[in-house]
Amino acid sequence: MQQSLLQKLKNRLPGLLLLAGLILAVTHIGELENFVHLVRRAEPVWLVAALFLQLTTYLCVAAVWYLSLRVAGTHYPLLPLIPLGIAKLFSDQAVPSGGISGTAFFMAALNHRGIPNQLCMATLLLSLVAYYGAYLIAALATLGLLHFYHAVHVWIVAVVIVFSLVAAGIPTGALWLRNLQYQELPKILQHTPGLKQLMHDVADAPDELMHKPLLMIIATLLHLSVFLLDSATLWVMLQVVGIPVSIWAVFPCFVLASMVATIGPIPLGLGSFEATCVGMLGVMGVPVEAALTATLLLRGFTLWLPMLPGMWMVRWALR
């Protein structure tokens, strides 16, 4: 009997993600050491605030899946989904794929806990559409805020346009796959390994969740909250280095840097995220040294700090 896509994910994901995470950590050990050095010099109250904000991002991610399952008639507790949110973040970091690798892990982990394949796929589609919907809203808000601060440049508009095409294309492609019959695929795709099973799993997913406007709005707002919380974390890091700046000036800096990292060719946007964020903070009047320190602290909290628990939780989630 042919294994389902989710069964294959459960068998292969832990090893692949742990290997990718180990390679990532070893090749960037210098950044980890720099993060530890910066943390030792920071005021504990700001570090606690940043940690709280980041924990809340995992709660928001878990809430999307909790509400989706609940609307579908499956009552799964919220709290056990929070560690899965941390493991999902690690999955996205270890295998950069615009959020798809982490979502695939989350889906496999839920299936491992007895959630039917079809419902896992339905929640995946809803979460994917809501995530990129939130990302597009954040991108448009970024343009509006930068216009308010008289900081819009041609390259920024170009980045937003390219990102918008990517952000619209990924969920559109997923929905296209949902409605497409296998025999309609071009011949070049019909022999792609695993594609037939993927299409069967997607086609079997119920579409009731996609027809729940209130659920879609709430899921989009929860994903949008993650961008706000990450921006607030960057704002906290600026307070650590003694720079009083409005959070509404920080938000477009973070989102634009995230967009550059998402559409860029560098895994995790390492370097491109930092350069864009520091440059935009400089446009907002933040000194370069302070902007760089705050950005490195942010990356430590959003990227490196969750790495170790994320590696353990991946093994735990699919055990």
Protein backbone atom coordinates (compact mmCIF):
# COMPACT_ATOMS: atom_id res chain seq x y z
CA MET A 1 0.00 0.00 0.00
CA GLN A 2 1.35 3.41 -0.93
CA GLN A 3 2.21 5.64 2.00
CA SER A 4 0.29 8.90 2.24
CA LEU A 5 2.16 12.17 1.98
CA LEU A 6 1.75 12.78 5.71
CA GLN A 7 3.13 9.36 6.61
CA LYS A 8 6.21 10.06 4.50
CA LEU A 9 6.59 13.45 6.18
CA LYS A 10 6.41 11.88 9.63
CA ASN A 11 9.10 9.37 8.68
CA ARG A 12 11.55 11.76 7.05
CA LEU A 13 11.02 15.23 8.50
CA PRO A 14 12.70 14.84 11.94
CA GLY A 15 16.03 13.70 10.54
CA LEU A 16 16.06 16.23 7.71
CA LEU A 17 15.14 19.15 9.97
CA LEU A 18 17.64 18.22 12.68
CA LEU A 19 20.42 17.89 10.12
CA ALA A 20 19.54 21.24 8.53
CA GLY A 21 19.33 22.89 11.96
CA LEU A 22 22.70 21.50 13.02
CA ILE A 23 24.35 22.73 9.83
CA LEU A 24 22.75 26.15 10.30
CA ALA A 25 23.96 26.45 13.91
CA VAL A 26 27.51 25.27 13.19
CA THR A 27 27.98 27.55 10.19
CA HIS A 28 26.81 30.61 12.15
CA ILE A 29 28.42 29.96 15.53
CA GLY A 30 29.95 33.44 15.49
CA GLU A 31 26.52 35.08 15.41
CA LEU A 32 25.41 32.94 18.35
CA GLU A 33 28.43 34.06 20.38
CA ASN A 34 27.76 37.70 19.49
CA PHE A 35 24.11 37.34 20.57
CA VAL A 36 25.14 35.92 23.97
CA HIS A 37 27.58 38.80 24.44
CA LEU A 38 24.89 41.40 23.68
CA VAL A 39 22.35 39.73 25.98
CA ARG A 40 24.76 39.85 28.93
CA ARG A 41 24.95 43.64 28.60
CA ALA A 42 21.17 44.22 28.34
CA GLU A 43 18.72 45.19 31.09
CA PRO A 44 16.81 42.07 32.27
CA VAL A 45 13.42 43.83 32.14
CA TRP A 46 13.72 44.39 28.38
CA LEU A 47 14.87 40.81 27.82
CA VAL A 48 11.83 39.53 29.71
CA ALA A 49 9.58 41.78 27.61
CA ALA A 50 11.13 40.47 24.39
CA LEU A 51 10.76 36.87 25.56
CA PHE A 52 7.09 37.47 26.41
CA LEU A 53 6.43 38.99 22.97
CA GLN A 54 8.04 36.03 21.23
CA LEU A 55 6.12 33.49 23.30
CA THR A 56 2.94 35.31 22.29
CA THR A 57 3.81 34.84 18.61
CA TYR A 58 3.79 31.07 19.15
CA LEU A 59 0.43 31.39 20.89
CA CYS A 60 -0.99 33.22 17.86
CA VAL A 61 0.25 30.53 15.47
CA ALA A 62 -1.22 27.81 17.69
CA ALA A 63 -4.52 29.69 17.94
CA VAL A 64 -4.96 29.60 14.15
CA TRP A 65 -4.77 25.82 14.14
CA TYR A 66 -6.84 25.51 17.33
CA LEU A 67 -9.70 27.58 15.89
CA SER A 68 -9.54 25.80 12.53
CA LEU A 69 -9.80 22.39 14.19
CA ARG A 70 -12.57 23.59 16.48
CA VAL A 71 -14.65 24.97 13.61
CA ALA A 72 -14.16 21.65 11.81
CA GLY A 73 -15.58 19.83 14.84
CA THR A 74 -12.32 18.55 16.37
CA HIS A 75 -11.67 19.80 19.90
CA TYR A 76 -7.90 19.69 20.41
CA PRO A 77 -6.41 21.59 23.42
CA LEU A 78 -4.68 24.90 22.74
CA LEU A 79 -1.71 24.55 25.11
CA PRO A 80 -0.18 21.43 23.46
CA LEU A 81 -0.22 23.32 20.16
CA ILE A 82 2.14 26.02 21.49
CA PRO A 83 5.26 23.78 21.57
CA LEU A 84 4.30 22.71 18.06
CA GLY A 85 4.37 26.40 17.13
CA ILE A 86 7.99 26.62 18.34
CA ALA A 87 8.88 23.47 16.41
CA LYS A 88 7.14 24.93 13.34
CA LEU A 89 9.29 28.05 13.60
CA PHE A 90 12.41 25.88 13.78
CA SER A 91 11.23 23.96 10.71
CA ASP A 92 10.78 27.20 8.76
CA GLN A 93 14.29 28.28 9.79
CA ALA A 94 16.01 24.97 9.10
CA VAL A 95 14.47 24.55 5.64
CA PRO A 96 13.60 28.00 4.22
CA SER A 97 10.55 27.68 1.97
CA GLY A 98 8.35 30.70 2.56
CA GLY A 99 6.63 29.02 5.51
CA ILE A 100 5.74 25.82 3.64
CA SER A 101 8.22 23.53 5.44
CA GLY A 102 6.96 24.60 8.86
CA THR A 103 3.35 24.23 7.82
CA ALA A 104 4.07 20.75 6.45
CA PHE A 105 5.69 19.81 9.76
CA PHE A 106 2.72 21.14 11.73
CA MET A 107 0.38 19.15 9.54
CA ALA A 108 2.39 15.93 10.01
CA ALA A 109 2.53 16.50 13.78
CA LEU A 110 -1.24 16.92 14.00
CA ASN A 111 -1.77 13.80 11.93
CA HIS A 112 0.56 11.96 14.34
CA ARG A 113 -1.84 12.98 17.13
CA GLY A 114 -4.83 11.41 15.46
CA ILE A 115 -6.14 14.32 13.39
CA PRO A 116 -7.37 12.93 10.03
CA ASN A 117 -5.27 13.60 6.92
CA GLN A 118 -8.10 15.48 5.22
CA LEU A 119 -8.61 17.85 8.14
CA CYS A 120 -4.85 18.45 8.44
CA MET A 121 -4.73 19.41 4.77
CA ALA A 122 -7.79 21.65 5.12
CA THR A 123 -6.23 23.53 8.04
CA LEU A 124 -2.96 23.79 6.11
CA LEU A 125 -4.71 25.48 3.18
CA LEU A 126 -6.59 27.88 5.44
CA SER A 127 -3.45 28.78 7.39
CA LEU A 128 -1.45 29.28 4.19
CA VAL A 129 -4.03 31.63 2.67
CA ALA A 130 -4.44 33.55 5.95
CA TYR A 131 -0.66 33.87 6.44
CA TYR A 132 0.00 35.37 3.03
CA GLY A 133 -3.11 37.50 3.31
CA ALA A 134 -1.70 38.94 6.53
CA TYR A 135 1.70 39.37 4.88
CA LEU A 136 0.13 41.36 2.03
CA ILE A 137 -1.72 43.58 4.51
CA ALA A 138 1.55 44.18 6.35
CA ALA A 139 3.26 45.02 3.05
CA LEU A 140 0.61 47.58 2.13
CA ALA A 141 0.71 49.04 5.65
CA THR A 142 4.48 49.33 5.26
CA LEU A 143 4.09 51.43 2.12
CA GLY A 144 1.54 53.63 3.86
CA LEU A 145 3.73 54.20 6.91
CA LEU A 146 6.84 54.86 4.82
CA HIS A 147 4.84 57.39 2.79
CA PHE A 148 3.82 59.04 6.06
CA TYR A 149 7.48 59.25 7.10
CA HIS A 150 8.50 60.43 3.58
CA ALA A 151 10.75 57.38 3.20
CA VAL A 152 9.34 55.70 0.08
CA HIS A 153 11.91 54.95 -2.62
CA VAL A 154 11.66 53.25 -6.00
CA TRP A 155 13.49 50.12 -4.80
CA ILE A 156 11.04 49.78 -1.91
CA VAL A 157 8.06 49.88 -4.27
CA ALA A 158 9.80 47.29 -6.47
CA VAL A 159 10.36 44.97 -3.49
CA VAL A 160 6.72 45.27 -2.45
CA ILE A 161 5.50 44.52 -5.99
CA VAL A 162 7.74 41.45 -6.38
CA PHE A 163 6.83 40.20 -2.92
CA SER A 164 3.12 40.74 -3.57
CA LEU A 165 3.34 38.56 -6.67
CA VAL A 166 5.05 35.81 -4.66
CA ALA A 167 2.65 36.16 -1.73
CA ALA A 168 -0.37 35.97 -4.03
CA GLY A 169 1.11 33.17 -6.12
CA ILE A 170 1.79 30.65 -3.34
CA PRO A 171 -1.75 30.39 -1.90
CA THR A 172 -3.23 30.72 -5.39
CA GLY A 173 -1.10 27.79 -6.50
CA ALA A 174 -2.24 25.76 -3.48
CA LEU A 175 -5.89 26.46 -4.27
CA TRP A 176 -5.29 25.69 -7.94
CA LEU A 177 -3.81 22.36 -6.89
CA ARG A 178 -6.88 21.82 -4.72
CA ASN A 179 -9.24 22.09 -7.68
CA LEU A 180 -7.09 20.46 -10.37
CA GLN A 181 -7.52 16.87 -11.49
CA TYR A 182 -4.32 14.86 -11.89
CA GLN A 183 -4.95 14.05 -15.55
CA GLU A 184 -5.01 17.77 -16.33
CA LEU A 185 -1.38 18.24 -15.32
CA PRO A 186 1.22 18.86 -18.02
CA LYS A 187 3.11 15.70 -18.94
CA ILE A 188 6.33 17.08 -17.49
CA LEU A 189 4.70 17.17 -14.04
CA GLN A 190 2.89 13.85 -14.19
CA HIS A 191 6.05 11.92 -13.32
CA THR A 192 7.11 14.16 -10.44
CA PRO A 193 7.76 11.91 -7.39
CA GLY A 194 5.03 12.23 -4.77
CA LEU A 195 2.95 14.72 -6.76
CA LYS A 196 0.13 12.26 -7.44
CA GLN A 197 -0.23 11.43 -3.75
CA LEU A 198 -0.01 15.11 -2.83
CA MET A 199 -2.83 15.95 -5.23
CA HIS A 200 -4.96 13.14 -3.85
CA ASP A 201 -4.40 14.38 -0.28
CA VAL A 202 -5.20 17.97 -1.25
CA ALA A 203 -8.23 16.96 -3.32
CA ASP A 204 -9.63 14.93 -0.41
CA ALA A 205 -9.40 17.90 1.96
CA PRO A 206 -12.83 19.35 2.84
CA ASP A 207 -13.33 22.93 1.71
CA GLU A 208 -15.75 23.99 4.46
CA LEU A 209 -13.04 25.94 6.31
CA MET A 210 -12.29 28.07 3.25
CA HIS A 211 -15.98 29.05 3.16
CA LYS A 212 -15.97 30.44 6.72
CA PRO A 213 -15.36 34.20 6.32
CA LEU A 214 -15.18 34.88 10.06
CA LEU A 215 -12.61 32.11 10.58
CA MET A 216 -10.53 33.42 7.69
CA ILE A 217 -10.63 36.97 9.09
CA ILE A 218 -9.62 35.82 12.58
CA ALA A 219 -6.83 33.61 11.21
CA THR A 220 -5.52 36.49 9.10
CA LEU A 221 -5.57 38.85 12.09
CA LEU A 222 -3.71 36.29 14.22
CA HIS A 223 -1.00 35.97 11.57
CA LEU A 224 -0.90 39.76 11.28
CA SER A 225 -0.43 39.91 15.06
CA VAL A 226 2.78 37.92 14.65
CA PHE A 227 4.23 40.69 12.45
CA LEU A 228 3.19 43.28 15.03
CA LEU A 229 4.71 41.26 17.88
CA ASP A 230 7.98 40.75 16.01
CA SER A 231 8.09 44.48 15.25
CA ALA A 232 7.41 45.19 18.92
CA THR A 233 10.34 42.91 19.77
CA LEU A 234 12.58 45.02 17.52
CA TRP A 235 11.23 48.13 19.25
CA VAL A 236 12.15 46.59 22.63
CA MET A 237 15.66 45.89 21.36
CA LEU A 238 15.97 49.56 20.43
CA GLN A 239 15.03 50.45 24.00
CA VAL A 240 17.83 48.14 25.15
CA VAL A 241 20.33 50.31 23.28
CA GLY A 242 18.67 53.52 24.49
CA ILE A 243 16.95 54.69 21.29
CA PRO A 244 13.45 56.18 21.82
CA VAL A 245 11.61 55.63 18.55
CA SER A 246 7.96 55.11 17.63
CA ILE A 247 6.88 51.51 17.06
CA TRP A 248 5.11 52.72 13.90
CA ALA A 249 8.50 53.73 12.53
CA VAL A 250 9.91 50.32 13.47
CA PHE A 251 7.10 48.25 11.93
CA PRO A 252 7.84 49.08 8.25
CA CYS A 253 11.56 48.50 8.84
CA PHE A 254 10.91 44.99 10.11
CA VAL A 255 8.33 44.07 7.46
CA LEU A 256 10.42 45.38 4.57
CA ALA A 257 13.46 43.46 5.84
CA SER A 258 11.30 40.34 6.10
CA MET A 259 10.08 40.80 2.52
CA VAL A 260 13.64 41.15 1.23
CA ALA A 261 14.62 38.01 3.14
CA THR A 262 11.61 36.12 1.77
CA ILE A 263 12.15 36.87 -1.91
CA GLY A 264 15.95 36.87 -1.77
CA PRO A 265 18.15 33.88 -2.72
CA ILE A 266 19.97 33.70 0.65
CA PRO A 267 18.67 31.04 3.07
CA LEU A 268 16.85 32.63 6.03
CA GLY A 269 17.76 36.03 4.61
CA LEU A 270 20.96 35.91 6.67
CA GLY A 271 22.70 39.18 5.90
CA SER A 272 20.00 40.57 3.62
CA PHE A 273 17.51 40.89 6.50
CA GLU A 274 20.07 42.58 8.74
CA ALA A 275 21.30 44.94 6.03
CA THR A 276 17.78 46.01 5.05
CA CYS A 277 16.62 46.43 8.63
CA VAL A 278 19.67 48.46 9.65
CA GLY A 279 19.41 50.59 6.52
CA MET A 280 15.72 51.35 7.05
CA LEU A 281 16.21 52.11 10.74
CA GLY A 282 18.92 54.53 9.63
CA VAL A 283 16.40 56.21 7.32
CA MET A 284 14.14 56.57 10.37
CA GLY A 285 16.92 58.39 12.23
CA VAL A 286 18.39 55.54 14.26
CA PRO A 287 22.22 55.60 14.46
CA VAL A 288 23.82 52.76 12.51
CA GLU A 289 25.59 51.19 15.50
CA ALA A 290 22.40 51.14 17.58
CA ALA A 291 20.36 49.83 14.64
CA LEU A 292 22.84 46.99 14.06
CA THR A 293 22.90 46.01 17.74
CA ALA A 294 19.10 46.03 17.98
CA THR A 295 18.77 43.99 14.77
CA LEU A 296 21.28 41.38 15.97
CA LEU A 297 19.42 41.09 19.27
CA LEU A 298 16.14 40.67 17.40
CA ARG A 299 17.60 37.92 15.22
CA GLY A 300 18.86 36.22 18.35
CA PHE A 301 15.39 36.13 19.88
CA THR A 302 13.54 35.19 16.69
CA LEU A 303 16.10 32.89 15.07
CA TRP A 304 18.79 31.53 17.39
CA LEU A 305 17.08 31.36 20.79
CA PRO A 306 14.25 29.04 19.59
CA MET A 307 16.74 26.79 17.75
CA LEU A 308 17.63 24.39 20.58
CA PRO A 309 14.09 23.87 21.97
CA GLY A 310 12.84 23.70 18.39
CA MET A 311 15.21 20.83 17.56
CA TRP A 312 14.03 18.90 20.62
CA MET A 313 10.36 19.63 19.96
CA VAL A 314 10.58 18.37 16.38
CA ARG A 315 11.71 14.99 17.71
CA TRP A 316 9.06 15.08 20.44
CA ALA A 317 6.25 16.12 18.09
CA LEU A 318 6.78 13.27 15.62
CA ARG A 319 7.92 10.59 18.06
